[in-house]
């Protein structure tokens, strides 16, 4: 699901940078938040934006778009598993979703996209976690740019 500002000329955006903090977590729980997750998400976002012709601005320089990602676990009635620290585990049940946002240098929201992924019972190995993160990011960014 995506939303965008129809008045914007998305073809004019050539570069992007992170809106820090680049990743937000809801809930901000150590079972969800980790350096390994952040590294995988950052890499997946950079790859997807590169495929869309947006170059990452040099460190310390603002891009035409500022990007931020949220990882959200929503509890549901169904029994599913959510990401837990460095491995997939049970005590939570929910959906893992990855909304992404794009703002311009003036701080105006111009685009946002989101998707959901139901997680199966783990544990997952590192390659499976990376694959799932990449799939989720690709689904979100498949909505950018809006046409």
C-alpha atoms as a PDB file:
ATOM      1  CA  UNK A   1       0.000   0.000   0.000  1.00  0.00           C
ATOM      2  CA  UNK A   2       1.439   3.360  -0.942  1.00  0.00           C
ATOM      3  CA  UNK A   3       0.654   7.039  -0.877  1.00  0.00           C
ATOM      4  CA  UNK A   4       2.343   9.975  -2.599  1.00  0.00           C
ATOM      5  CA  UNK A   5       2.129  13.657  -3.411  1.00  0.00           C
ATOM      6  CA  UNK A   6       0.733  13.802  -6.969  1.00  0.00           C
ATOM      7  CA  UNK A   7       2.148  17.319  -7.424  1.00  0.00           C
ATOM      8  CA  UNK A   8       5.748  16.070  -7.210  1.00  0.00           C
ATOM      9  CA  UNK A   9       7.934  15.282 -10.203  1.00  0.00           C
ATOM     10  CA  UNK A  10       9.599  12.083  -8.992  1.00  0.00           C
ATOM     11  CA  UNK A  11      11.864  11.905 -12.045  1.00  0.00           C
ATOM     12  CA  UNK A  12      13.634  15.031 -10.725  1.00  0.00           C
ATOM     13  CA  UNK A  13      14.961  13.120  -7.695  1.00  0.00           C
ATOM     14  CA  UNK A  14      18.418  11.779  -8.433  1.00  0.00           C
ATOM     15  CA  UNK A  15      19.901  11.063  -4.999  1.00  0.00           C
ATOM     16  CA  UNK A  16      18.872   9.951  -1.531  1.00  0.00           C
ATOM     17  CA  UNK A  17      20.226   9.979   2.016  1.00  0.00           C
ATOM     18  CA  UNK A  18      19.107   8.532   5.312  1.00  0.00           C
ATOM     19  CA  UNK A  19      16.813  10.466   7.619  1.00  0.00           C
ATOM     20  CA  UNK A  20      18.380   9.547  10.946  1.00  0.00           C
ATOM     21  CA  UNK A  21      17.586   7.468  12.767  1.00  0.00           C
ATOM     22  CA  UNK A  22      17.389   5.455   9.563  1.00  0.00           C
ATOM     23  CA  UNK A  23      15.423   2.650  11.207  1.00  0.00           C
ATOM     24  CA  UNK A  24      12.651   3.039  13.712  1.00  0.00           C
ATOM     25  CA  UNK A  25      11.239   0.071  15.581  1.00  0.00           C
ATOM     26  CA  UNK A  26       7.794  -0.398  17.061  1.00  0.00           C
ATOM     27  CA  UNK A  27       7.947  -1.700  19.664  1.00  0.00           C
ATOM     28  CA  UNK A  28      11.481  -0.606  20.533  1.00  0.00           C
ATOM     29  CA  UNK A  29      12.257  -4.037  21.899  1.00  0.00           C
ATOM     30  CA  UNK A  30      15.724  -5.647  21.814  1.00  0.00           C
ATOM     31  CA  UNK A  31      14.138  -8.815  20.432  1.00  0.00           C
ATOM     32  CA  UNK A  32      13.341  -6.836  17.270  1.00  0.00           C
ATOM     33  CA  UNK A  33      16.075  -4.190  17.183  1.00  0.00           C
ATOM     34  CA  UNK A  34      19.631  -5.260  16.344  1.00  0.00           C
ATOM     35  CA  UNK A  35      22.692  -4.085  14.455  1.00  0.00           C
ATOM     36  CA  UNK A  36      22.399  -7.127  12.165  1.00  0.00           C
ATOM     37  CA  UNK A  37      18.810  -6.259  11.243  1.00  0.00           C
ATOM     38  CA  UNK A  38      19.753  -2.641  10.605  1.00  0.00           C
ATOM     39  CA  UNK A  39      22.691  -3.638   8.414  1.00  0.00           C
ATOM     40  CA  UNK A  40      20.467  -5.950   6.332  1.00  0.00           C
ATOM     41  CA  UNK A  41      17.715  -3.353   5.934  1.00  0.00           C
ATOM     42  CA  UNK A  42      20.149  -0.563   5.008  1.00  0.00           C
ATOM     43  CA  UNK A  43      21.781  -2.774   2.383  1.00  0.00           C
ATOM     44  CA  UNK A  44      18.425  -3.881   0.933  1.00  0.00           C
ATOM     45  CA  UNK A  45      17.130  -0.286   0.733  1.00  0.00           C
ATOM     46  CA  UNK A  46      20.334   0.935  -0.936  1.00  0.00           C
ATOM     47  CA  UNK A  47      20.142  -1.881  -3.512  1.00  0.00           C
ATOM     48  CA  UNK A  48      16.483  -1.221  -4.315  1.00  0.00           C
ATOM     49  CA  UNK A  49      16.927   2.543  -4.679  1.00  0.00           C
ATOM     50  CA  UNK A  50      19.990   1.992  -6.854  1.00  0.00           C
ATOM     51  CA  UNK A  51      17.866  -0.215  -9.147  1.00  0.00           C
ATOM     52  CA  UNK A  52      15.465   2.723  -9.460  1.00  0.00           C
ATOM     53  CA  UNK A  53      18.231   5.086 -10.538  1.00  0.00           C
ATOM     54  CA  UNK A  54      18.651   6.932  -7.226  1.00  0.00           C
ATOM     55  CA  UNK A  55      22.236   7.236  -6.040  1.00  0.00           C
ATOM     56  CA  UNK A  56      23.093   7.445  -2.373  1.00  0.00           C
ATOM     57  CA  UNK A  57      24.432  10.919  -1.562  1.00  0.00           C
ATOM     58  CA  UNK A  58      27.987  11.068  -0.194  1.00  0.00           C
ATOM     59  CA  UNK A  59      28.210  10.793   3.582  1.00  0.00           C
ATOM     60  CA  UNK A  60      27.216  14.035   5.279  1.00  0.00           C
ATOM     61  CA  UNK A  61      25.514  15.436   2.168  1.00  0.00           C
ATOM     62  CA  UNK A  62      21.726  15.601   1.874  1.00  0.00           C
ATOM     63  CA  UNK A  63      20.097  13.715  -0.977  1.00  0.00           C
ATOM     64  CA  UNK A  64      17.112  14.884  -2.972  1.00  0.00           C
ATOM     65  CA  UNK A  65      15.095  12.402  -0.890  1.00  0.00           C
ATOM     66  CA  UNK A  66      15.529  11.499   2.762  1.00  0.00           C
ATOM     67  CA  UNK A  67      14.611   7.900   3.528  1.00  0.00           C
ATOM     68  CA  UNK A  68      13.476   6.340   6.790  1.00  0.00           C
ATOM     69  CA  UNK A  69      12.263   2.802   7.494  1.00  0.00           C
ATOM     70  CA  UNK A  70       9.990   1.521  10.248  1.00  0.00           C
ATOM     71  CA  UNK A  71       9.875  -2.107  11.354  1.00  0.00           C
ATOM     72  CA  UNK A  72       6.588  -2.694  13.123  1.00  0.00           C
ATOM     73  CA  UNK A  73       5.308  -5.809  14.848  1.00  0.00           C
ATOM     74  CA  UNK A  74       1.534  -5.913  15.136  1.00  0.00           C
ATOM     75  CA  UNK A  75       0.086  -8.600  17.343  1.00  0.00           C
ATOM     76  CA  UNK A  76      -2.681 -10.621  15.727  1.00  0.00           C
ATOM     77  CA  UNK A  77      -5.003 -13.394  16.798  1.00  0.00           C
ATOM     78  CA  UNK A  78      -3.419 -15.901  14.436  1.00  0.00           C
ATOM     79  CA  UNK A  79      -0.379 -17.751  15.667  1.00  0.00           C
ATOM     80  CA  UNK A  80       2.624 -16.417  13.788  1.00  0.00           C
ATOM     81  CA  UNK A  81       6.164 -15.666  14.844  1.00  0.00           C
ATOM     82  CA  UNK A  82       7.971 -12.340  14.826  1.00  0.00           C
ATOM     83  CA  UNK A  83      11.607 -11.428  14.653  1.00  0.00           C
ATOM     84  CA  UNK A  84      13.363 -11.810  17.961  1.00  0.00           C
ATOM     85  CA  UNK A  85      16.901 -10.518  18.379  1.00  0.00           C
ATOM     86  CA  UNK A  86      19.442 -12.501  16.410  1.00  0.00           C
ATOM     87  CA  UNK A  87      17.076 -15.332  15.589  1.00  0.00           C
ATOM     88  CA  UNK A  88      13.413 -16.066  14.959  1.00  0.00           C
ATOM     89  CA  UNK A  89      11.698 -17.209  18.079  1.00  0.00           C
ATOM     90  CA  UNK A  90       8.325 -17.617  19.814  1.00  0.00           C
ATOM     91  CA  UNK A  91       7.136 -15.531  22.498  1.00  0.00           C
ATOM     92  CA  UNK A  92       5.490 -12.923  20.315  1.00  0.00           C
ATOM     93  CA  UNK A  93       2.897 -13.446  17.679  1.00  0.00           C
ATOM     94  CA  UNK A  94       2.305 -10.902  14.980  1.00  0.00           C
ATOM     95  CA  UNK A  95       3.038  -9.453  11.590  1.00  0.00           C
ATOM     96  CA  UNK A  96       6.298  -7.817  10.647  1.00  0.00           C
ATOM     97  CA  UNK A  97       5.869  -4.883   8.332  1.00  0.00           C
ATOM     98  CA  UNK A  98       8.238  -2.452   6.751  1.00  0.00           C
ATOM     99  CA  UNK A  99       6.871   0.959   5.894  1.00  0.00           C
ATOM    100  CA  UNK A 100       9.268   3.267   4.073  1.00  0.00           C
ATOM    101  CA  UNK A 101       9.060   7.010   3.798  1.00  0.00           C
ATOM    102  CA  UNK A 102      10.578   9.564   1.444  1.00  0.00           C
ATOM    103  CA  UNK A 103      10.874  13.253   2.222  1.00  0.00           C
ATOM    104  CA  UNK A 104      12.429  16.057   0.263  1.00  0.00           C
ATOM    105  CA  UNK A 105      15.119  18.373   1.605  1.00  0.00           C
ATOM    106  CA  UNK A 106      12.412  20.763   2.738  1.00  0.00           C
ATOM    107  CA  UNK A 107      11.093  18.073   5.085  1.00  0.00           C
ATOM    108  CA  UNK A 108       7.840  17.411   3.212  1.00  0.00           C
ATOM    109  CA  UNK A 109       6.608  13.863   2.942  1.00  0.00           C
ATOM    110  CA  UNK A 110       6.332  12.991  -0.752  1.00  0.00           C
ATOM    111  CA  UNK A 111       5.968   9.205  -0.711  1.00  0.00           C
ATOM    112  CA  UNK A 112       5.365   6.304   1.603  1.00  0.00           C
ATOM    113  CA  UNK A 113       4.890   2.616   1.046  1.00  0.00           C
ATOM    114  CA  UNK A 114       4.285  -0.391   3.239  1.00  0.00           C
ATOM    115  CA  UNK A 115       3.793  -4.130   3.169  1.00  0.00           C
ATOM    116  CA  UNK A 116       3.240  -6.972   5.598  1.00  0.00           C
ATOM    117  CA  UNK A 117       4.913 -10.288   5.994  1.00  0.00           C
ATOM    118  CA  UNK A 118       3.490 -13.062   8.123  1.00  0.00           C
ATOM    119  CA  UNK A 119       6.329 -14.880   9.787  1.00  0.00           C
ATOM    120  CA  UNK A 120       6.327 -18.622  10.182  1.00  0.00           C
ATOM    121  CA  UNK A 121       7.584 -20.488  13.178  1.00  0.00           C
ATOM    122  CA  UNK A 122      11.411 -20.302  13.353  1.00  0.00           C
ATOM    123  CA  UNK A 123      14.200 -20.447  13.967  1.00  0.00           C
ATOM    124  CA  UNK A 124      15.542 -18.840  10.799  1.00  0.00           C
ATOM    125  CA  UNK A 125      19.166 -18.978   9.787  1.00  0.00           C
ATOM    126  CA  UNK A 126      21.004 -15.759   8.813  1.00  0.00           C
ATOM    127  CA  UNK A 127      20.528 -16.377   5.072  1.00  0.00           C
ATOM    128  CA  UNK A 128      16.762 -16.825   5.526  1.00  0.00           C
ATOM    129  CA  UNK A 129      16.502 -13.637   7.620  1.00  0.00           C
ATOM    130  CA  UNK A 130      18.415 -11.671   5.005  1.00  0.00           C
ATOM    131  CA  UNK A 131      16.212 -13.091   2.230  1.00  0.00           C
ATOM    132  CA  UNK A 132      13.032 -12.155   4.120  1.00  0.00           C
ATOM    133  CA  UNK A 133      14.277  -8.623   4.789  1.00  0.00           C
ATOM    134  CA  UNK A 134      15.221  -8.184   1.130  1.00  0.00           C
ATOM    135  CA  UNK A 135      11.814  -9.481  -0.012  1.00  0.00           C
ATOM    136  CA  UNK A 136       9.981  -7.130   2.333  1.00  0.00           C
ATOM    137  CA  UNK A 137      12.049  -4.092   1.303  1.00  0.00           C
ATOM    138  CA  UNK A 138      11.578  -4.983  -2.384  1.00  0.00           C
ATOM    139  CA  UNK A 139       7.776  -5.137  -1.874  1.00  0.00           C
ATOM    140  CA  UNK A 140       7.737  -1.722  -0.197  1.00  0.00           C
ATOM    141  CA  UNK A 141       9.967  -0.079  -2.793  1.00  0.00           C
ATOM    142  CA  UNK A 142       8.124  -1.683  -5.702  1.00  0.00           C
ATOM    143  CA  UNK A 143       5.658   1.160  -5.035  1.00  0.00           C
ATOM    144  CA  UNK A 144       8.317   3.832  -5.732  1.00  0.00           C
ATOM    145  CA  UNK A 145       8.202   5.914  -7.806  1.00  0.00           C
ATOM    146  CA  UNK A 146       4.459   6.118  -8.180  1.00  0.00           C
ATOM    147  CA  UNK A 147       3.150   5.969 -11.739  1.00  0.00           C
END
